[in-house]
Amino acid sequence: MIGRLSGVIAEKSPPLVLVDVQGVGYEVDVPMSTYYNLPGIGERTTLLTHFVVREDAQVLFGFASSEERATFRQLIKISGIGPRMALSLLSGLSVAELAQAVAQQEAGRLVKVPGIGKKTAERLLLELKGKLAPDLSGGSAMRAENDNQADILQALVALGYSEKEAGSALKALPKEVGVSEGIKLALKSLSR
């Protein structure tokens, strides 16, 4: 099994990346979250990989973090979820967002990912419950210490900020700030 690749990026064509490892080019399918964080063509990178051998193909999937790869492996264990659908899920949601959706049983967030219908989303929620890393489902970035912080976090996400951005802005706020004042302060810090 190929577990990791370190080499130079030779080509990038979403979701495919060609990594040149000492003269051998490996075609690696990556989720968009990994793709956007890759360096430019000609620069070095390291990807954690998952190798899938099927009757008609051998496909290498690459990930920027061990959490992404572990989540991918958890997803493909579910009946009816293949590597392509798992890659699509990780392209549409970050690992933390997926863990939070599972923890809060929010099928609506999963249905927004192309190729995921209502029944598939419900099956995913059922099968993944308690299986994603506990630190992810609790999500330190998503954990609000009180109702005001929960409301501020929800407002920032509704305004289009990612869970990670909203969580980091929330950490910078005073503990007992009001909702409207907290939103103003968070928006100021996010606009910098």
N, C-alpha and C. Protein backbone atom coordinates (compact mmCIF):
# COMPACT_ATOMS: atom_id res chain seq x y z
N MET A 1 0.85 -1.18 0.00
CA MET A 1 0.00 0.00 0.00
C MET A 1 0.89 1.24 0.00
N ILE A 2 0.45 2.26 -0.70
CA ILE A 2 1.17 3.53 -0.74
C ILE A 2 0.51 4.43 0.31
N GLY A 3 1.25 4.81 1.34
CA GLY A 3 0.69 5.58 2.45
C GLY A 3 0.98 7.06 2.40
N ARG A 4 2.07 7.44 1.68
CA ARG A 4 2.44 8.84 1.63
C ARG A 4 3.29 9.10 0.40
N LEU A 5 3.12 10.27 -0.18
CA LEU A 5 3.94 10.70 -1.31
C LEU A 5 4.58 12.03 -0.99
N SER A 6 5.88 12.14 -1.26
CA SER A 6 6.57 13.43 -1.15
C SER A 6 7.26 13.67 -2.48
N GLY A 7 6.94 14.77 -3.10
CA GLY A 7 7.53 15.06 -4.39
C GLY A 7 7.17 16.43 -4.89
N VAL A 8 7.36 16.63 -6.19
CA VAL A 8 7.12 17.92 -6.82
C VAL A 8 5.82 17.85 -7.61
N ILE A 9 5.01 18.88 -7.50
CA ILE A 9 3.75 18.92 -8.26
C ILE A 9 4.08 19.20 -9.72
N ALA A 10 3.71 18.25 -10.59
CA ALA A 10 3.99 18.39 -12.02
C ALA A 10 2.78 18.98 -12.76
N GLU A 11 1.57 18.61 -12.35
CA GLU A 11 0.35 19.11 -12.98
C GLU A 11 -0.75 19.22 -11.93
N LYS A 12 -1.66 20.16 -12.17
CA LYS A 12 -2.83 20.32 -11.31
C LYS A 12 -4.05 20.52 -12.20
N SER A 13 -5.03 19.65 -12.06
CA SER A 13 -6.28 19.76 -12.80
C SER A 13 -7.37 19.18 -11.92
N PRO A 14 -8.11 20.02 -11.20
CA PRO A 14 -9.02 19.53 -10.16
C PRO A 14 -9.91 18.39 -10.62
N PRO A 15 -10.06 17.36 -9.84
CA PRO A 15 -9.47 17.08 -8.53
C PRO A 15 -8.16 16.30 -8.62
N LEU A 16 -7.58 16.21 -9.83
CA LEU A 16 -6.38 15.41 -10.05
C LEU A 16 -5.11 16.22 -9.91
N VAL A 17 -4.12 15.63 -9.25
CA VAL A 17 -2.81 16.24 -9.10
C VAL A 17 -1.78 15.20 -9.52
N LEU A 18 -0.79 15.62 -10.31
CA LEU A 18 0.28 14.71 -10.70
C LEU A 18 1.50 15.07 -9.86
N VAL A 19 1.93 14.13 -9.02
CA VAL A 19 3.07 14.35 -8.14
C VAL A 19 4.26 13.54 -8.67
N ASP A 20 5.35 14.24 -8.99
CA ASP A 20 6.56 13.61 -9.48
C ASP A 20 7.44 13.24 -8.28
N VAL A 21 7.58 11.93 -8.04
CA VAL A 21 8.39 11.44 -6.93
C VAL A 21 9.64 10.80 -7.54
N GLN A 22 10.71 11.55 -7.60
CA GLN A 22 11.99 11.09 -8.16
C GLN A 22 11.83 10.42 -9.51
N GLY A 23 11.13 11.11 -10.41
CA GLY A 23 10.99 10.62 -11.78
C GLY A 23 9.76 9.79 -12.06
N VAL A 24 9.04 9.38 -11.04
CA VAL A 24 7.80 8.61 -11.24
C VAL A 24 6.62 9.53 -10.94
N GLY A 25 5.72 9.68 -11.90
CA GLY A 25 4.56 10.55 -11.71
C GLY A 25 3.36 9.78 -11.19
N TYR A 26 2.85 10.19 -10.05
CA TYR A 26 1.67 9.56 -9.45
C TYR A 26 0.47 10.48 -9.65
N GLU A 27 -0.60 9.94 -10.27
CA GLU A 27 -1.85 10.68 -10.38
C GLU A 27 -2.61 10.47 -9.08
N VAL A 28 -2.96 11.56 -8.41
CA VAL A 28 -3.62 11.49 -7.12
C VAL A 28 -4.89 12.33 -7.16
N ASP A 29 -6.02 11.72 -6.80
CA ASP A 29 -7.28 12.46 -6.68
C ASP A 29 -7.34 13.03 -5.27
N VAL A 30 -7.62 14.32 -5.16
CA VAL A 30 -7.65 14.97 -3.85
C VAL A 30 -8.97 15.71 -3.68
N PRO A 31 -9.45 15.85 -2.43
CA PRO A 31 -10.63 16.68 -2.19
C PRO A 31 -10.26 18.14 -2.44
N MET A 32 -11.24 18.96 -2.71
CA MET A 32 -10.97 20.37 -3.04
C MET A 32 -10.32 21.10 -1.86
N SER A 33 -10.62 20.70 -0.64
CA SER A 33 -10.00 21.33 0.52
C SER A 33 -8.48 21.14 0.48
N THR A 34 -8.02 20.00 0.06
CA THR A 34 -6.59 19.74 -0.09
C THR A 34 -6.05 20.46 -1.32
N TYR A 35 -6.81 20.40 -2.41
CA TYR A 35 -6.37 21.01 -3.67
C TYR A 35 -6.06 22.50 -3.50
N TYR A 36 -6.94 23.22 -2.83
CA TYR A 36 -6.76 24.67 -2.67
C TYR A 36 -5.57 25.01 -1.79
N ASN A 37 -5.13 24.08 -0.94
CA ASN A 37 -3.99 24.34 -0.06
C ASN A 37 -2.67 23.83 -0.60
N LEU A 38 -2.70 23.28 -1.81
CA LEU A 38 -1.46 22.78 -2.41
C LEU A 38 -0.61 23.94 -2.93
N PRO A 39 0.72 23.78 -2.90
CA PRO A 39 1.59 24.81 -3.49
C PRO A 39 1.48 24.77 -5.02
N GLY A 40 2.15 25.67 -5.69
CA GLY A 40 2.08 25.76 -7.14
C GLY A 40 2.85 24.66 -7.85
N ILE A 41 2.70 24.61 -9.16
CA ILE A 41 3.40 23.63 -9.99
C ILE A 41 4.91 23.86 -9.86
N GLY A 42 5.65 22.77 -9.72
CA GLY A 42 7.10 22.85 -9.57
C GLY A 42 7.55 22.93 -8.12
N GLU A 43 6.61 23.03 -7.19
CA GLU A 43 6.96 23.11 -5.77
C GLU A 43 6.74 21.76 -5.10
N ARG A 44 7.47 21.54 -4.00
CA ARG A 44 7.39 20.28 -3.26
C ARG A 44 6.14 20.22 -2.39
N THR A 45 5.63 19.00 -2.25
CA THR A 45 4.48 18.77 -1.38
C THR A 45 4.55 17.35 -0.81
N THR A 46 3.80 17.14 0.25
CA THR A 46 3.66 15.81 0.83
C THR A 46 2.17 15.54 1.00
N LEU A 47 1.73 14.39 0.53
CA LEU A 47 0.33 14.01 0.65
C LEU A 47 0.23 12.65 1.33
N LEU A 48 -0.68 12.53 2.27
CA LEU A 48 -1.03 11.22 2.83
C LEU A 48 -1.97 10.57 1.82
N THR A 49 -1.84 9.28 1.61
CA THR A 49 -2.62 8.66 0.55
C THR A 49 -3.42 7.45 1.01
N HIS A 50 -4.40 7.12 0.19
CA HIS A 50 -5.19 5.90 0.36
C HIS A 50 -5.27 5.27 -1.03
N PHE A 51 -4.82 4.03 -1.15
CA PHE A 51 -4.74 3.33 -2.42
C PHE A 51 -5.92 2.38 -2.57
N VAL A 52 -6.70 2.54 -3.64
CA VAL A 52 -7.87 1.70 -3.88
C VAL A 52 -7.61 0.85 -5.12
N VAL A 53 -7.72 -0.46 -4.96
CA VAL A 53 -7.55 -1.39 -6.08
C VAL A 53 -8.91 -2.02 -6.36
N ARG A 54 -9.37 -1.81 -7.59
CA ARG A 54 -10.63 -2.42 -8.02
C ARG A 54 -10.34 -3.30 -9.23
N GLU A 55 -11.34 -4.01 -9.65
CA GLU A 55 -11.19 -4.89 -10.81
C GLU A 55 -10.79 -4.11 -12.06
N ASP A 56 -11.34 -2.90 -12.21
CA ASP A 56 -11.12 -2.12 -13.42
C ASP A 56 -10.18 -0.93 -13.26
N ALA A 57 -9.68 -0.68 -12.05
CA ALA A 57 -8.83 0.50 -11.86
C ALA A 57 -8.03 0.42 -10.57
N GLN A 58 -6.95 1.17 -10.55
CA GLN A 58 -6.16 1.38 -9.34
C GLN A 58 -6.09 2.89 -9.16
N VAL A 59 -6.64 3.38 -8.05
CA VAL A 59 -6.75 4.82 -7.85
C VAL A 59 -6.08 5.22 -6.54
N LEU A 60 -5.35 6.32 -6.60
CA LEU A 60 -4.67 6.84 -5.43
C LEU A 60 -5.37 8.13 -5.01
N PHE A 61 -5.78 8.20 -3.75
CA PHE A 61 -6.43 9.39 -3.21
C PHE A 61 -5.46 10.06 -2.24
N GLY A 62 -5.37 11.38 -2.29
CA GLY A 62 -4.42 12.10 -1.45
C GLY A 62 -5.10 13.10 -0.53
N PHE A 63 -4.46 13.33 0.64
CA PHE A 63 -5.03 14.21 1.65
C PHE A 63 -3.94 15.03 2.31
N ALA A 64 -4.28 16.26 2.68
CA ALA A 64 -3.32 17.15 3.33
C ALA A 64 -3.12 16.80 4.80
N SER A 65 -4.14 16.20 5.43
CA SER A 65 -4.03 15.92 6.86
C SER A 65 -4.46 14.49 7.17
N SER A 66 -3.98 13.99 8.30
CA SER A 66 -4.35 12.64 8.72
C SER A 66 -5.84 12.57 9.09
N GLU A 67 -6.41 13.70 9.57
CA GLU A 67 -7.84 13.72 9.90
C GLU A 67 -8.69 13.52 8.65
N GLU A 68 -8.28 14.17 7.55
CA GLU A 68 -9.02 14.02 6.29
C GLU A 68 -8.96 12.57 5.82
N ARG A 69 -7.78 11.97 5.87
CA ARG A 69 -7.64 10.59 5.41
C ARG A 69 -8.43 9.63 6.30
N ALA A 70 -8.38 9.84 7.61
CA ALA A 70 -9.13 8.98 8.53
C ALA A 70 -10.63 9.09 8.29
N THR A 71 -11.10 10.31 8.04
CA THR A 71 -12.53 10.51 7.77
C THR A 71 -12.92 9.85 6.45
N PHE A 72 -12.06 9.99 5.43
CA PHE A 72 -12.28 9.33 4.14
C PHE A 72 -12.42 7.82 4.33
N ARG A 73 -11.51 7.25 5.10
CA ARG A 73 -11.54 5.80 5.35
C ARG A 73 -12.79 5.38 6.10
N GLN A 74 -13.25 6.23 7.02
CA GLN A 74 -14.48 5.95 7.76
C GLN A 74 -15.68 6.00 6.82
N LEU A 75 -15.68 6.97 5.90
CA LEU A 75 -16.79 7.12 4.96
C LEU A 75 -16.91 5.94 4.01
N ILE A 76 -15.78 5.45 3.48
CA ILE A 76 -15.87 4.37 2.49
C ILE A 76 -16.23 3.02 3.11
N LYS A 77 -16.22 2.94 4.43
CA LYS A 77 -16.66 1.71 5.11
C LYS A 77 -18.18 1.58 5.07
N ILE A 78 -18.86 2.70 4.84
CA ILE A 78 -20.32 2.71 4.84
C ILE A 78 -20.85 2.14 3.54
N SER A 79 -21.79 1.24 3.63
CA SER A 79 -22.40 0.62 2.45
C SER A 79 -23.01 1.69 1.54
N GLY A 80 -22.66 1.63 0.27
CA GLY A 80 -23.21 2.59 -0.69
C GLY A 80 -22.39 3.86 -0.85
N ILE A 81 -21.38 4.03 -0.03
CA ILE A 81 -20.51 5.22 -0.14
C ILE A 81 -19.17 4.75 -0.71
N GLY A 82 -18.92 5.14 -1.94
CA GLY A 82 -17.66 4.77 -2.57
C GLY A 82 -16.64 5.88 -2.41
N PRO A 83 -15.43 5.64 -2.90
CA PRO A 83 -14.38 6.65 -2.78
C PRO A 83 -14.73 7.99 -3.43
N ARG A 84 -15.40 7.96 -4.56
CA ARG A 84 -15.77 9.22 -5.25
C ARG A 84 -16.75 10.04 -4.42
N MET A 85 -17.74 9.37 -3.84
CA MET A 85 -18.72 10.08 -3.03
C MET A 85 -18.06 10.60 -1.75
N ALA A 86 -17.15 9.82 -1.17
CA ALA A 86 -16.43 10.26 0.03
C ALA A 86 -15.58 11.49 -0.30
N LEU A 87 -14.94 11.48 -1.47
CA LEU A 87 -14.14 12.62 -1.91
C LEU A 87 -15.02 13.85 -2.11
N SER A 88 -16.20 13.63 -2.68
CA SER A 88 -17.15 14.72 -2.88
C SER A 88 -17.60 15.31 -1.55
N LEU A 89 -17.85 14.45 -0.57
CA LEU A 89 -18.24 14.92 0.77
C LEU A 89 -17.14 15.77 1.40
N LEU A 90 -15.89 15.31 1.28
CA LEU A 90 -14.77 16.06 1.87
C LEU A 90 -14.44 17.32 1.07
N SER A 91 -14.91 17.38 -0.18
CA SER A 91 -14.74 18.60 -0.96
C SER A 91 -15.80 19.63 -0.57
N GLY A 92 -16.98 19.14 -0.21
CA GLY A 92 -18.08 20.03 0.14
C GLY A 92 -18.09 20.48 1.59
N LEU A 93 -17.53 19.67 2.48
CA LEU A 93 -17.51 19.98 3.91
C LEU A 93 -16.13 19.69 4.47
N SER A 94 -15.67 20.53 5.38
CA SER A 94 -14.41 20.23 6.06
C SER A 94 -14.67 19.08 7.03
N VAL A 95 -13.61 18.48 7.52
CA VAL A 95 -13.75 17.37 8.48
C VAL A 95 -14.51 17.86 9.71
N ALA A 96 -14.18 19.05 10.19
CA ALA A 96 -14.85 19.59 11.38
C ALA A 96 -16.33 19.85 11.11
N GLU A 97 -16.65 20.38 9.92
CA GLU A 97 -18.05 20.64 9.57
C GLU A 97 -18.84 19.34 9.46
N LEU A 98 -18.22 18.32 8.88
CA LEU A 98 -18.88 17.01 8.78
C LEU A 98 -19.11 16.42 10.17
N ALA A 99 -18.10 16.51 11.03
CA ALA A 99 -18.23 15.98 12.39
C ALA A 99 -19.33 16.72 13.15
N GLN A 100 -19.40 18.03 12.95
CA GLN A 100 -20.44 18.80 13.64
C GLN A 100 -21.83 18.43 13.10
N ALA A 101 -21.94 18.27 11.78
CA ALA A 101 -23.23 17.88 11.19
C ALA A 101 -23.68 16.53 11.74
N VAL A 102 -22.74 15.60 11.90
CA VAL A 102 -23.07 14.28 12.44
C VAL A 102 -23.45 14.40 13.92
N ALA A 103 -22.68 15.18 14.67
CA ALA A 103 -22.96 15.33 16.10
C ALA A 103 -24.33 15.96 16.34
N GLN A 104 -24.70 16.90 15.47
CA GLN A 104 -25.99 17.59 15.63
C GLN A 104 -27.09 16.98 14.77
N GLN A 105 -26.75 15.87 14.06
CA GLN A 105 -27.71 15.17 13.21
C GLN A 105 -28.39 16.12 12.22
N GLU A 106 -27.60 16.90 11.50
CA GLU A 106 -28.11 17.86 10.52
C GLU A 106 -28.00 17.30 9.10
N ALA A 107 -29.03 16.62 8.65
CA ALA A 107 -29.03 16.04 7.30
C ALA A 107 -29.00 17.13 6.24
N GLY A 108 -29.57 18.29 6.54
CA GLY A 108 -29.62 19.40 5.59
C GLY A 108 -28.25 19.85 5.11
N ARG A 109 -27.26 19.79 5.98
CA ARG A 109 -25.90 20.20 5.60
C ARG A 109 -25.29 19.20 4.62
N LEU A 110 -25.60 17.92 4.81
CA LEU A 110 -25.05 16.90 3.92
C LEU A 110 -25.71 16.90 2.56
N VAL A 111 -27.01 17.22 2.52
CA VAL A 111 -27.76 17.22 1.27
C VAL A 111 -27.24 18.30 0.32
N LYS A 112 -26.61 19.33 0.85
CA LYS A 112 -26.07 20.40 0.02
C LYS A 112 -24.88 19.95 -0.83
N VAL A 113 -24.27 18.83 -0.45
CA VAL A 113 -23.13 18.29 -1.21
C VAL A 113 -23.66 17.58 -2.45
N PRO A 114 -23.14 17.90 -3.64
CA PRO A 114 -23.62 17.25 -4.87
C PRO A 114 -23.48 15.73 -4.79
N GLY A 115 -24.56 15.03 -5.18
CA GLY A 115 -24.55 13.57 -5.17
C GLY A 115 -25.09 12.95 -3.88
N ILE A 116 -25.37 13.78 -2.87
CA ILE A 116 -25.90 13.27 -1.60
C ILE A 116 -27.37 13.62 -1.51
N GLY A 117 -28.20 12.59 -1.52
CA GLY A 117 -29.63 12.79 -1.38
C GLY A 117 -30.06 12.67 0.08
N LYS A 118 -31.35 12.84 0.32
CA LYS A 118 -31.86 12.82 1.69
C LYS A 118 -31.63 11.46 2.37
N LYS A 119 -31.92 10.37 1.66
CA LYS A 119 -31.77 9.04 2.26
C LYS A 119 -30.29 8.74 2.55
N THR A 120 -29.42 9.12 1.63
CA THR A 120 -27.98 8.88 1.84
C THR A 120 -27.49 9.70 3.02
N ALA A 121 -27.94 10.95 3.11
CA ALA A 121 -27.54 11.82 4.22
C ALA A 121 -27.98 11.23 5.56
N GLU A 122 -29.21 10.73 5.61
CA GLU A 122 -29.71 10.14 6.85
C GLU A 122 -28.92 8.88 7.22
N ARG A 123 -28.57 8.07 6.20
CA ARG A 123 -27.78 6.87 6.47
C ARG A 123 -26.39 7.24 6.97
N LEU A 124 -25.79 8.28 6.37
CA LEU A 124 -24.48 8.75 6.82
C LEU A 124 -24.52 9.19 8.27
N LEU A 125 -25.54 9.97 8.62
CA LEU A 125 -25.67 10.44 10.01
C LEU A 125 -25.78 9.27 10.98
N LEU A 126 -26.55 8.28 10.59
CA LEU A 126 -26.76 7.11 11.45
C LEU A 126 -25.47 6.30 11.60
N GLU A 127 -24.81 6.04 10.48
CA GLU A 127 -23.60 5.19 10.48
C GLU A 127 -22.40 5.88 11.12
N LEU A 128 -22.30 7.22 10.98
CA LEU A 128 -21.13 7.93 11.48
C LEU A 128 -21.25 8.36 12.93
N LYS A 129 -22.46 8.29 13.48
CA LYS A 129 -22.66 8.76 14.85
C LYS A 129 -21.71 8.06 15.81
N GLY A 130 -20.90 8.84 16.50
CA GLY A 130 -19.95 8.32 17.46
C GLY A 130 -18.68 7.74 16.86
N LYS A 131 -18.55 7.75 15.52
CA LYS A 131 -17.38 7.15 14.90
C LYS A 131 -16.33 8.16 14.48
N LEU A 132 -16.72 9.42 14.35
CA LEU A 132 -15.72 10.44 14.03
C LEU A 132 -15.01 10.80 15.32
N ALA A 133 -13.77 11.25 15.19
CA ALA A 133 -12.95 11.55 16.36
C ALA A 133 -13.71 12.43 17.33
N PRO A 134 -13.71 12.10 18.63
CA PRO A 134 -14.47 12.87 19.62
C PRO A 134 -14.06 14.34 19.68
N ASP A 135 -12.77 14.63 19.45
CA ASP A 135 -12.35 16.02 19.49
C ASP A 135 -12.90 16.80 18.31
N LEU A 136 -13.26 16.10 17.22
CA LEU A 136 -13.84 16.78 16.07
C LEU A 136 -15.31 17.05 16.28
N SER A 137 -16.06 16.08 16.80
CA SER A 137 -17.48 16.31 16.97
C SER A 137 -17.76 17.35 18.04
N GLY A 138 -16.85 17.48 18.99
CA GLY A 138 -16.98 18.53 19.99
C GLY A 138 -16.49 19.84 19.42
N GLY A 139 -15.56 19.76 18.48
CA GLY A 139 -15.02 20.89 17.75
C GLY A 139 -14.71 22.10 18.60
N SER A 140 -13.47 22.28 19.01
CA SER A 140 -13.14 23.41 19.85
C SER A 140 -13.50 24.73 19.19
N ALA A 141 -13.37 24.80 17.87
CA ALA A 141 -13.73 26.03 17.17
C ALA A 141 -15.24 26.26 17.23
N MET A 142 -16.00 25.16 17.27
CA MET A 142 -17.45 25.31 17.26
C MET A 142 -18.06 25.36 18.66
N ARG A 143 -17.25 25.10 19.67
CA ARG A 143 -17.80 25.07 21.01
C ARG A 143 -18.01 26.49 21.53
N ALA A 144 -19.22 26.82 21.89
CA ALA A 144 -19.52 28.13 22.44
C ALA A 144 -19.71 27.96 23.94
N GLU A 145 -19.15 28.90 24.70
CA GLU A 145 -19.20 28.76 26.15
C GLU A 145 -20.54 29.18 26.75
N ASN A 146 -21.31 29.99 26.04
CA ASN A 146 -22.61 30.39 26.56
C ASN A 146 -23.56 30.63 25.38
N ASP A 147 -24.82 30.96 25.71
CA ASP A 147 -25.82 31.16 24.66
C ASP A 147 -25.47 32.32 23.74
N ASN A 148 -24.91 33.40 24.29
CA ASN A 148 -24.54 34.54 23.46
C ASN A 148 -23.50 34.14 22.43
N GLN A 149 -22.49 33.39 22.87
CA GLN A 149 -21.45 32.97 21.93
C GLN A 149 -22.01 32.02 20.88
N ALA A 150 -22.94 31.18 21.26
CA ALA A 150 -23.57 30.27 20.30
C ALA A 150 -24.33 31.08 19.25
N ASP A 151 -25.04 32.13 19.69
CA ASP A 151 -25.79 32.98 18.76
C ASP A 151 -24.85 33.74 17.83
N ILE A 152 -23.73 34.22 18.37
CA ILE A 152 -22.74 34.94 17.55
C ILE A 152 -22.16 34.00 16.50
N LEU A 153 -21.80 32.80 16.92
CA LEU A 153 -21.24 31.81 16.00
C LEU A 153 -22.23 31.50 14.88
N GLN A 154 -23.47 31.28 15.26
CA GLN A 154 -24.51 30.96 14.28
C GLN A 154 -24.71 32.11 13.29
N ALA A 155 -24.66 33.35 13.78
CA ALA A 155 -24.82 34.52 12.92
C ALA A 155 -23.67 34.63 11.92
N LEU A 156 -22.45 34.38 12.37
CA LEU A 156 -21.29 34.47 11.48
C LEU A 156 -21.34 33.41 10.39
N VAL A 157 -21.76 32.21 10.76
CA VAL A 157 -21.89 31.13 9.77
C VAL A 157 -22.98 31.48 8.77
N ALA A 158 -24.09 32.06 9.26
CA ALA A 158 -25.18 32.46 8.38
C ALA A 158 -24.74 33.55 7.41
N LEU A 159 -23.76 34.36 7.82
CA LEU A 159 -23.24 35.42 6.96
C LEU A 159 -22.24 34.89 5.94
N GLY A 160 -21.93 33.59 6.00
CA GLY A 160 -21.08 32.99 4.98
C GLY A 160 -19.66 32.66 5.42
N TYR A 161 -19.32 32.91 6.67
CA TYR A 161 -17.98 32.55 7.16
C TYR A 161 -17.95 31.06 7.48
N SER A 162 -16.78 30.46 7.33
CA SER A 162 -16.65 29.03 7.65
C SER A 162 -16.70 28.87 9.16
N GLU A 163 -16.93 27.63 9.60
CA GLU A 163 -16.95 27.32 11.03
C GLU A 163 -15.61 27.68 11.67
N LYS A 164 -14.53 27.41 10.94
CA LYS A 164 -13.19 27.67 11.46
C LYS A 164 -12.97 29.17 11.65
N GLU A 165 -13.33 29.98 10.64
CA GLU A 165 -13.17 31.43 10.74
C GLU A 165 -14.01 32.00 11.89
N ALA A 166 -15.27 31.56 11.94
CA ALA A 166 -16.18 32.05 12.98
C ALA A 166 -15.67 31.65 14.37
N GLY A 167 -15.17 30.42 14.49
CA GLY A 167 -14.65 29.95 15.77
C GLY A 167 -13.44 30.74 16.24
N SER A 168 -12.53 31.06 15.30
CA SER A 168 -11.35 31.83 15.70
C SER A 168 -11.72 33.26 16.06
N ALA A 169 -12.69 33.85 15.37
CA ALA A 169 -13.16 35.20 15.72
C ALA A 169 -13.84 35.18 17.09
N LEU A 170 -14.55 34.10 17.39
CA LEU A 170 -15.25 33.96 18.66
C LEU A 170 -14.27 33.90 19.83
N LYS A 171 -13.14 33.23 19.61
CA LYS A 171 -12.14 33.09 20.68
C LYS A 171 -11.56 34.45 21.10
N ALA A 172 -11.51 35.40 20.16
CA ALA A 172 -10.92 36.70 20.44
C ALA A 172 -11.87 37.64 21.19
N LEU A 173 -13.13 37.25 21.32
CA LEU A 173 -14.12 38.12 21.96
C LEU A 173 -14.07 38.00 23.48
N PRO A 174 -14.45 39.09 24.18
CA PRO A 174 -14.57 39.00 25.65
C PRO A 174 -15.64 37.96 26.00
N LYS A 175 -15.48 37.28 27.13
CA LYS A 175 -16.37 36.17 27.51
C LYS A 175 -17.83 36.56 27.64
N GLU A 176 -18.12 37.70 28.24
CA GLU A 176 -19.51 38.07 28.52
C GLU A 176 -20.06 39.13 27.57
N VAL A 177 -19.58 39.17 26.33
CA VAL A 177 -20.05 40.16 25.37
C VAL A 177 -21.48 39.84 24.92
N GLY A 178 -22.25 40.89 24.64
CA GLY A 178 -23.61 40.71 24.15
C GLY A 178 -23.60 40.25 22.70
N VAL A 179 -24.75 39.77 22.22
CA VAL A 179 -24.82 39.20 20.88
C VAL A 179 -24.52 40.25 19.81
N SER A 180 -25.24 41.37 19.81
CA SER A 180 -25.04 42.37 18.74
C SER A 180 -23.63 42.96 18.78
N GLU A 181 -23.14 43.26 19.98
CA GLU A 181 -21.79 43.80 20.10
C GLU A 181 -20.75 42.75 19.69
N GLY A 182 -20.99 41.51 20.05
CA GLY A 182 -20.09 40.42 19.69
C GLY A 182 -20.01 40.22 18.19
N ILE A 183 -21.16 40.32 17.51
CA ILE A 183 -21.17 40.17 16.05
C ILE A 183 -20.36 41.30 15.41
N LYS A 184 -20.56 42.54 15.91
CA LYS A 184 -19.81 43.69 15.37
C LYS A 184 -18.31 43.49 15.55
N LEU A 185 -17.91 43.10 16.75
CA LEU A 185 -16.47 42.89 17.03
C LEU A 185 -15.89 41.75 16.19
N ALA A 186 -16.65 40.68 16.05
CA ALA A 186 -16.19 39.54 15.27
C ALA A 186 -16.04 39.91 13.80
N LEU A 187 -17.00 40.67 13.27
CA LEU A 187 -16.92 41.11 11.88
C LEU A 187 -15.72 42.01 11.65
N LYS A 188 -15.42 42.87 12.64
CA LYS A 188 -14.24 43.73 12.53
C LYS A 188 -12.97 42.89 12.46
N SER A 189 -12.87 41.90 13.34
CA SER A 189 -11.66 41.06 13.36
C SER A 189 -11.54 40.21 12.08
N LEU A 190 -12.67 39.77 11.54
CA LEU A 190 -12.65 38.96 10.32
C LEU A 190 -12.32 39.79 9.08
N SER A 191 -12.60 41.08 9.11
CA SER A 191 -12.35 41.92 7.95
C SER A 191 -10.89 42.35 7.85
N ARG A 192 -10.09 42.11 8.88
CA ARG A 192 -8.67 42.49 8.85
C ARG A 192 -7.88 41.62 7.93
